[in-house]
């Protein structure tokens, strides 16, 4: 069993070691929460030393290993909530294929694919315009503060994107800012921010969001449009819906040698449309899972938690 730490950095280091192997996003939240609580207690008991405050706090907040166990138990509940309600498990291939329609995460992922175009344009513009402008002005007196503010805004945006990814894609992301060692000078903190690999990986993620957003949006809109058209067009022909304003024989429903498709000849088109719609839902869910892993890899600092 670890001896009780005497300083806040020692407490946080023990907590970090106790959480080794856990989700990096959870570790980031745990370190931030612990430091915030310990420093608030230290501020309220200014007449006592760090060791005395930590010894008193250990009985209420808990020792590092106890806090780690609490966070691990809580994380099980969090992960369950992120992935619920889960659709019933189906063993047959048709059941698994068509059962995607009952998974709420599918529609959230599909919406994220559409939303990614707007967020991708914003992130890309922010990074390119912000970095180029502030870096160019860094040779002036006002340029350095602006560059620091820009890097700070990137960290804030990473938290915002993390919340979007967690809510829509179900991937656990940090809810607290990145833990940083207190007691360092302002210049040391600035150097840490510039040399932190996560700062640069976050900007890489924001740059990637534009091409990814274009691909996601194009896939979602195109596949849905084709699938819905293939489903509705035969129904329109059979029922005569829209016949007053649309010559249905002119809609791309032609067979061999330009002979219009009619009656049961349109059934294959309807079947293809239905299959395409369900395949699109599967693709959206797969893209959601893959993008969640990408966001976790680039937006969460994993190296310091290994």
Protein backbone atom coordinates (compact mmCIF):
# COMPACT_ATOMS: atom_id res chain seq x y z
CA UNK A 1 0.00 0.00 0.00
CA UNK A 2 1.33 3.48 -0.86
CA UNK A 3 2.27 5.80 2.00
CA UNK A 4 0.09 8.87 2.32
CA UNK A 5 1.55 11.69 0.17
CA UNK A 6 2.69 14.89 1.85
CA UNK A 7 2.25 17.29 -1.08
CA UNK A 8 -0.41 17.80 -3.73
CA UNK A 9 1.93 16.84 -6.63
CA UNK A 10 2.78 13.60 -4.77
CA UNK A 11 -0.94 12.91 -4.24
CA UNK A 12 -1.68 13.45 -7.92
CA UNK A 13 1.25 11.31 -9.00
CA UNK A 14 0.05 8.45 -6.79
CA UNK A 15 -3.46 8.87 -8.18
CA UNK A 16 -2.06 8.77 -11.71
CA UNK A 17 -0.18 5.53 -10.98
CA UNK A 18 -3.26 3.99 -9.34
CA UNK A 19 -5.26 4.74 -12.49
CA UNK A 20 -2.66 3.31 -14.86
CA UNK A 21 -4.34 1.47 -17.74
CA UNK A 22 -7.69 3.25 -17.29
CA UNK A 23 -9.39 5.38 -19.92
CA UNK A 24 -7.17 8.45 -20.56
CA UNK A 25 -10.20 10.75 -20.60
CA UNK A 26 -11.23 9.52 -17.16
CA UNK A 27 -7.68 9.96 -15.81
CA UNK A 28 -7.64 13.56 -17.06
CA UNK A 29 -10.93 14.26 -15.28
CA UNK A 30 -9.79 12.53 -12.08
CA UNK A 31 -6.52 14.47 -11.87
CA UNK A 32 -8.24 17.79 -12.50
CA UNK A 33 -11.00 17.11 -9.94
CA UNK A 34 -8.52 15.95 -7.29
CA UNK A 35 -6.24 18.94 -7.73
CA UNK A 36 -9.15 21.36 -7.68
CA UNK A 37 -10.51 19.83 -4.46
CA UNK A 38 -7.15 19.64 -2.71
CA UNK A 39 -6.20 23.22 -3.55
CA UNK A 40 -9.58 24.53 -2.41
CA UNK A 41 -9.10 22.72 0.90
CA UNK A 42 -5.59 24.11 1.20
CA UNK A 43 -6.89 27.64 0.56
CA UNK A 44 -9.56 27.24 3.25
CA UNK A 45 -6.95 25.99 5.74
CA UNK A 46 -4.17 28.45 5.02
CA UNK A 47 -2.71 28.02 8.51
CA UNK A 48 -1.97 24.34 7.96
CA UNK A 49 0.70 22.66 5.85
CA UNK A 50 0.01 20.61 2.72
CA UNK A 51 0.79 17.40 4.58
CA UNK A 52 -1.72 18.23 7.33
CA UNK A 53 -4.43 19.15 4.84
CA UNK A 54 -3.88 16.00 2.79
CA UNK A 55 -3.96 13.85 5.93
CA UNK A 56 -7.28 15.45 6.91
CA UNK A 57 -8.70 15.19 3.40
CA UNK A 58 -7.73 11.52 3.09
CA UNK A 59 -10.46 10.57 5.56
CA UNK A 60 -13.19 12.33 3.55
CA UNK A 61 -12.06 12.60 -0.09
CA UNK A 62 -9.96 9.45 0.16
CA UNK A 63 -6.38 8.31 -0.34
CA UNK A 64 -5.16 8.14 -3.97
CA UNK A 65 -5.79 4.40 -4.35
CA UNK A 66 -9.27 4.76 -2.81
CA UNK A 67 -10.12 7.64 -5.14
CA UNK A 68 -8.86 5.59 -8.09
CA UNK A 69 -11.17 2.70 -7.13
CA UNK A 70 -14.14 5.09 -6.90
CA UNK A 71 -13.41 6.53 -10.35
CA UNK A 72 -13.04 3.06 -11.86
CA UNK A 73 -16.40 2.01 -10.42
CA UNK A 74 -18.04 5.22 -11.60
CA UNK A 75 -16.55 4.78 -15.05
CA UNK A 76 -18.38 1.48 -15.46
CA UNK A 77 -21.66 3.34 -14.98
CA UNK A 78 -20.56 6.10 -17.36
CA UNK A 79 -19.61 3.64 -20.09
CA UNK A 80 -22.90 1.82 -19.66
CA UNK A 81 -24.81 5.10 -20.00
CA UNK A 82 -22.87 6.07 -23.12
CA UNK A 83 -23.79 2.83 -24.83
CA UNK A 84 -27.41 2.53 -23.73
CA UNK A 85 -30.08 1.76 -24.61
CA UNK A 86 -28.51 -1.15 -26.46
CA UNK A 87 -30.60 -2.91 -29.10
CA UNK A 88 -31.47 -6.57 -28.46
CA UNK A 89 -28.76 -8.97 -29.57
CA UNK A 90 -29.76 -10.80 -32.71
CA UNK A 91 -28.01 -13.97 -33.80
CA UNK A 92 -29.25 -14.26 -37.38
CA UNK A 93 -27.59 -12.30 -40.17
CA UNK A 94 -30.87 -10.66 -41.31
CA UNK A 95 -31.64 -9.78 -37.71
CA UNK A 96 -28.30 -8.05 -37.27
CA UNK A 97 -28.59 -6.31 -40.62
CA UNK A 98 -32.07 -4.90 -40.13
CA UNK A 99 -31.69 -4.50 -36.37
CA UNK A 100 -29.49 -1.46 -36.90
CA UNK A 101 -32.67 0.57 -37.18
CA UNK A 102 -33.28 0.04 -33.44
CA UNK A 103 -29.90 1.44 -32.36
CA UNK A 104 -30.20 5.14 -31.33
CA UNK A 105 -26.44 5.58 -31.75
CA UNK A 106 -26.88 4.94 -35.48
CA UNK A 107 -28.96 8.08 -35.96
CA UNK A 108 -26.65 10.12 -33.75
CA UNK A 109 -23.70 9.04 -35.89
CA UNK A 110 -25.63 9.87 -39.05
CA UNK A 111 -26.41 13.33 -37.71
CA UNK A 112 -22.74 13.79 -36.78
CA UNK A 113 -21.77 12.97 -40.37
CA UNK A 114 -24.01 15.79 -41.60
CA UNK A 115 -22.91 18.18 -38.84
CA UNK A 116 -19.23 17.45 -39.47
CA UNK A 117 -19.22 19.60 -42.60
CA UNK A 118 -20.17 22.72 -40.63
CA UNK A 119 -17.85 22.00 -37.70
CA UNK A 120 -15.07 21.00 -40.09
CA UNK A 121 -15.29 24.31 -41.96
CA UNK A 122 -15.23 26.22 -38.66
CA UNK A 123 -12.33 24.28 -37.13
CA UNK A 124 -10.25 24.41 -40.32
CA UNK A 125 -10.82 28.16 -40.74
CA UNK A 126 -10.08 28.83 -37.08
CA UNK A 127 -6.77 26.95 -37.12
CA UNK A 128 -5.52 28.18 -40.49
CA UNK A 129 -6.57 31.80 -40.05
CA UNK A 130 -5.77 31.94 -36.34
CA UNK A 131 -2.37 30.31 -36.50
CA UNK A 132 -1.20 32.12 -39.63
CA UNK A 133 -2.32 35.50 -38.30
CA UNK A 134 -0.95 35.15 -34.77
CA UNK A 135 2.27 33.49 -35.93
CA UNK A 136 2.82 36.30 -38.39
CA UNK A 137 2.24 38.90 -35.68
CA UNK A 138 4.45 37.08 -33.16
CA UNK A 139 7.40 39.30 -34.14
CA UNK A 140 5.50 42.26 -32.65
CA UNK A 141 4.67 43.00 -29.03
CA UNK A 142 0.98 42.23 -29.42
CA UNK A 143 1.62 39.07 -31.43
CA UNK A 144 2.87 36.87 -28.58
CA UNK A 145 -0.22 37.38 -26.36
CA UNK A 146 -2.46 36.74 -29.36
CA UNK A 147 -0.57 33.54 -30.18
CA UNK A 148 -0.96 32.37 -26.57
CA UNK A 149 -4.68 33.16 -26.66
CA UNK A 150 -4.98 31.22 -29.90
CA UNK A 151 -3.38 28.12 -28.40
CA UNK A 152 -5.66 28.49 -25.39
CA UNK A 153 -8.70 28.67 -27.68
CA UNK A 154 -7.60 25.44 -29.37
CA UNK A 155 -7.70 23.68 -26.02
CA UNK A 156 -11.15 25.07 -25.30
CA UNK A 157 -12.42 23.95 -28.71
CA UNK A 158 -11.01 20.47 -28.10
CA UNK A 159 -13.21 20.20 -25.01
CA UNK A 160 -16.23 21.38 -27.03
CA UNK A 161 -15.55 18.84 -29.76
CA UNK A 162 -15.02 16.20 -27.11
CA UNK A 163 -18.48 16.81 -25.70
CA UNK A 164 -19.99 16.55 -29.20
CA UNK A 165 -18.12 13.30 -29.87
CA UNK A 166 -19.14 11.79 -26.54
CA UNK A 167 -22.81 12.71 -26.84
CA UNK A 168 -23.23 11.69 -30.49
CA UNK A 169 -20.67 8.94 -31.00
CA UNK A 170 -20.57 7.44 -27.51
CA UNK A 171 -16.80 7.68 -27.08
CA UNK A 172 -15.69 8.70 -23.57
CA UNK A 173 -13.98 12.10 -23.77
CA UNK A 174 -12.60 14.46 -21.10
CA UNK A 175 -15.02 16.71 -19.24
CA UNK A 176 -12.28 18.70 -17.54
CA UNK A 177 -9.32 20.68 -18.91
CA UNK A 178 -5.93 19.03 -19.13
CA UNK A 179 -4.23 18.63 -15.75
CA UNK A 180 -1.06 20.72 -15.42
CA UNK A 181 1.42 20.91 -12.59
CA UNK A 182 0.88 23.97 -10.42
CA UNK A 183 3.69 26.11 -9.06
CA UNK A 184 5.33 26.66 -12.42
CA UNK A 185 6.00 30.16 -13.70
CA UNK A 186 3.87 31.72 -16.41
CA UNK A 187 6.70 31.30 -18.91
CA UNK A 188 7.08 27.63 -18.03
CA UNK A 189 3.35 27.17 -18.58
CA UNK A 190 3.58 28.89 -21.95
CA UNK A 191 6.49 26.66 -22.98
CA UNK A 192 4.52 23.61 -21.80
CA UNK A 193 1.57 24.64 -23.95
CA UNK A 194 3.75 25.10 -27.04
CA UNK A 195 5.67 21.84 -26.51
CA UNK A 196 2.67 19.71 -25.52
CA UNK A 197 2.13 17.15 -28.31
CA UNK A 198 -1.61 17.25 -27.67
CA UNK A 199 -1.74 20.92 -28.69
CA UNK A 200 -0.39 20.06 -32.12
CA UNK A 201 -2.38 16.83 -32.47
CA UNK A 202 -5.53 18.81 -31.68
CA UNK A 203 -4.77 21.28 -34.46
CA UNK A 204 -4.10 18.34 -36.79
CA UNK A 205 -7.51 16.95 -35.87
CA UNK A 206 -9.16 20.29 -36.64
CA UNK A 207 -7.42 20.42 -40.02
CA UNK A 208 -8.53 16.87 -40.81
CA UNK A 209 -12.13 17.71 -39.94
CA UNK A 210 -12.64 19.65 -43.17
CA UNK A 211 -11.84 16.81 -45.62
CA UNK A 212 -13.47 14.30 -43.29
CA UNK A 213 -16.54 16.51 -42.95
CA UNK A 214 -16.84 16.78 -46.74
CA UNK A 215 -16.57 13.00 -47.11
CA UNK A 216 -19.02 12.31 -44.27
CA UNK A 217 -21.57 14.83 -45.53
CA UNK A 218 -21.30 13.63 -49.13
CA UNK A 219 -21.70 9.98 -48.17
CA UNK A 220 -24.66 10.63 -45.88
CA UNK A 221 -26.58 12.89 -48.23
CA UNK A 222 -25.83 10.95 -51.42
CA UNK A 223 -26.59 7.49 -50.06
CA UNK A 224 -29.74 8.63 -48.29
CA UNK A 225 -30.96 10.48 -51.37
CA UNK A 226 -30.38 7.49 -53.64
CA UNK A 227 -31.90 5.04 -51.19
CA UNK A 228 -34.99 7.13 -50.55
CA UNK A 229 -35.43 7.77 -54.28
CA UNK A 230 -35.22 4.06 -55.05
CA UNK A 231 -37.89 3.39 -52.44
CA UNK A 232 -40.27 6.21 -53.28
CA UNK A 233 -40.05 6.12 -57.08
CA UNK A 234 -41.68 2.66 -57.48
CA UNK A 235 -44.32 3.57 -54.93
CA UNK A 236 -45.05 6.75 -56.85
CA UNK A 237 -45.42 4.79 -60.09
CA UNK A 238 -47.71 2.17 -58.53
CA UNK A 239 -49.93 4.65 -56.73
CA UNK A 240 -49.84 7.44 -59.32
CA UNK A 241 -48.78 9.95 -56.70
CA UNK A 242 -47.43 13.07 -58.35
CA UNK A 243 -48.87 12.17 -61.72
CA UNK A 244 -50.48 15.62 -62.03
CA UNK A 245 -47.14 17.44 -61.86
CA UNK A 246 -44.58 14.82 -62.85
CA UNK A 247 -44.37 12.52 -65.85
CA UNK A 248 -43.19 9.40 -64.03
CA UNK A 249 -42.09 7.79 -67.29
CA UNK A 250 -39.42 10.48 -67.54
CA UNK A 251 -37.92 9.58 -64.15
CA UNK A 252 -34.93 7.27 -64.66
CA UNK A 253 -37.18 4.18 -64.48
CA UNK A 254 -36.30 2.61 -67.81
CA UNK A 255 -35.38 -0.95 -68.61
CA UNK A 256 -33.74 -2.48 -71.66
CA UNK A 257 -33.78 -0.39 -74.86
CA UNK A 258 -35.42 2.52 -73.06
CA UNK A 259 -38.70 0.68 -72.30
CA UNK A 260 -40.21 2.17 -69.10
CA UNK A 261 -40.35 -0.13 -66.11
CA UNK A 262 -43.83 -0.81 -64.85
CA UNK A 263 -45.67 -2.93 -62.30
CA UNK A 264 -43.65 -5.69 -60.64
CA UNK A 265 -40.59 -4.82 -62.72
CA UNK A 266 -39.98 -2.05 -60.19
CA UNK A 267 -39.78 -4.47 -57.22
CA UNK A 268 -35.99 -4.99 -57.56
CA UNK A 269 -35.54 -1.23 -57.48
CA UNK A 270 -37.55 -1.02 -54.28
CA UNK A 271 -35.56 -3.86 -52.72
CA UNK A 272 -32.26 -2.23 -53.65
CA UNK A 273 -33.45 1.04 -52.14
CA UNK A 274 -34.39 -0.60 -48.83
CA UNK A 275 -31.10 -2.50 -48.65
CA UNK A 276 -29.16 0.66 -49.47
CA UNK A 277 -30.87 2.58 -46.67
CA UNK A 278 -30.02 -0.08 -44.10
CA UNK A 279 -26.47 -0.35 -45.45
CA UNK A 280 -26.16 3.42 -45.04
CA UNK A 281 -27.18 3.11 -41.39
CA UNK A 282 -24.52 0.45 -40.84
CA UNK A 283 -21.94 2.64 -42.55
CA UNK A 284 -22.91 5.61 -40.38
CA UNK A 285 -22.52 3.56 -37.22
CA UNK A 286 -19.12 2.24 -38.37
CA UNK A 287 -17.93 5.74 -39.25
CA UNK A 288 -19.13 6.98 -35.87
CA UNK A 289 -17.09 4.37 -34.03
CA UNK A 290 -14.03 4.98 -36.17
CA UNK A 291 -14.20 8.75 -35.82
CA UNK A 292 -14.66 8.43 -32.07
CA UNK A 293 -11.40 6.48 -31.86
CA UNK A 294 -9.68 9.09 -34.03
CA UNK A 295 -10.90 11.90 -31.78
CA UNK A 296 -9.79 9.96 -28.69
CA UNK A 297 -6.33 9.45 -30.15
CA UNK A 298 -5.75 13.06 -31.22
CA UNK A 299 -7.67 15.05 -28.59
CA UNK A 300 -6.72 13.17 -25.43
CA UNK A 301 -3.19 13.19 -24.14
CA UNK A 302 -2.44 9.50 -23.59
CA UNK A 303 1.34 9.50 -23.26
CA UNK A 304 1.45 10.85 -19.72
CA UNK A 305 -1.07 8.28 -18.48
CA UNK A 306 0.61 5.12 -19.69
